[in-house]
Amino acid sequence: MKSITIIKLGAIGDVIQAAAAVDQYRKLNPRVAIDWVVGKQLEPLLISMNVADRVIAIEDQSILHGKPVARLQSLLKAFIQIFRQISHSNQLYIAHSNWQYCVFAIPLLLKNPILLFGGIKRFFPELTKFRVSEYFHFISQSSMTGRQGNAALQNLGINALSSKERHKFISEPSRKYVALVPGGSRNMMRDDFLRRWPTESYVELAGKFIANGYEVVLVGGKGDVWVKSYFSEIRVRDLIGETSINDVIEIFSKVNLVISHDTGPLHLATMTPTPLIAIFGPTPASAVVSAERQSLAVFKAAADVVCSPCYDGVSYAPCQDPICMRSTTVDAVFKKAMIALSEDTLGAQ
C-alpha cells in the first residue's frame, strides 16, 4: 500500500482547504494511507474531519514563540514525536510555501532518505485560484472544479458534526438567526487586522438585525474577547470564547445566515450549506471561496480602491488604514442579508 505524509500545521483555513482536497483525493485513491503532521490546536478538528489515517499533532506554538532555548527544546521534542509515529512514506508533501516548514521533514528523511530523490513536493499555489483546487492539484496533479471543492468542504462538515462532543446550540424554529464574526484574522505568526471589517460596522449591522426581529449570535475564539465590549449595549447572544472549533461548525449549521470577513470561522462556514456573506479587501476572494458555492455573496473593495487586493502570498502592502474593508458599507451588507434571509438565496456582489 502506498503511504504519503502531509505536513500542514496551520492556519485553520489552510488546514480546512487542504483537508477538503485530501478528502477528494482519498475518494479516488482509497488504498493510499495518509499521515498528517498538524499543530496541536487543530488536532481535534483534523481528526473529526476523518481525512487522515494517522494525525501527528505537535506543539507548534511553543516552537514558533518564546525564548530560543525553549523553542529548540520543543522542536527536538517534535522531531522525536514525528520520527516515532510516522510511517515509512513513499511521498512527502510539505503544504507550505515558506521554506522554514521543511525542517519538520527531517525526522521522516532520517527514516527514509530515498525521499530526497524526488519524493518531496512543496506547495506553491497561484494566488487568485480557489485554494481547495490548488491543494488538490498539488497532491494529485489533477484538476478539481469549484463545485467539487465545495462538496468536499461540506462533506468535511458532515464528518465533523458527527462527533459526540459539541456545543448544544438551541434555536427556536419560529426565529431566524444571524451569526456574526467580528474578531479573528490572526494566527500564531501575526495579527492581520487589515482583513477585518470594522468592528463598529458589525455593531451597527447587529443593531439593524435586532430592530427587524432577528437573533444575532456572536462567534469567535478566546483571542477575540476584546470585541465583546463593543456589543455591550445591544442584545446579542455572545458565544465568543465559549466554543470549540467544532462547536462553531454546529452553530453555523443551525443559523440562517453567516456574515464574516476573511478569517478562520469563515472557512468553518464553508463546511456548511448555510447562506454566507463574505467580506474581502486585501486578500483575493477567489482563493478563499468558490464562486460556484450556492448561497454565497462576496463583497470586495470598491472599484476606486485600486490598491486592493494587495496580498502577495506572503504579506500585505504597508497600510494602517484599510480603506478596502471600510468601502463595504453596512447598508449594502444588510440589504444583501435581508434578501438571503427572506429567500434563502444569494447572488454575487
Foldseek 3Di string as FASTA:
>chain_A
DAEEEEEDADDQLLVLLLLLLLLVVCVVVVPYAYEYEYAPQCVLLSVLLPRHPHYQHAPVLQLVDDDPVSNVVSLVVLLVSCLVPPDQHQAYEYADPDPVSCSSCVSNCVVPVCCVVVRYFYQDFDQQAAQSQSSNCRVPVDGDDLVSSLVSLLSSLVSLVVDDDADPDDDDPVAAEEEEEQDACADSPGRPCLQGQDLLLVLVLVVVQVVVRHAYEYEEAPVGVVSVVVNPVDDHHYCYNPGRLSNLLVVLQPHQEYEGEPGNSVSSNSNHLHAYEYEGEQGRVNHRHPLPRWNYEYHWFDPVPVCPNADPSPDGDDDDDNNGSVRDHSVNVSVQVVCCNVPVGGHYD
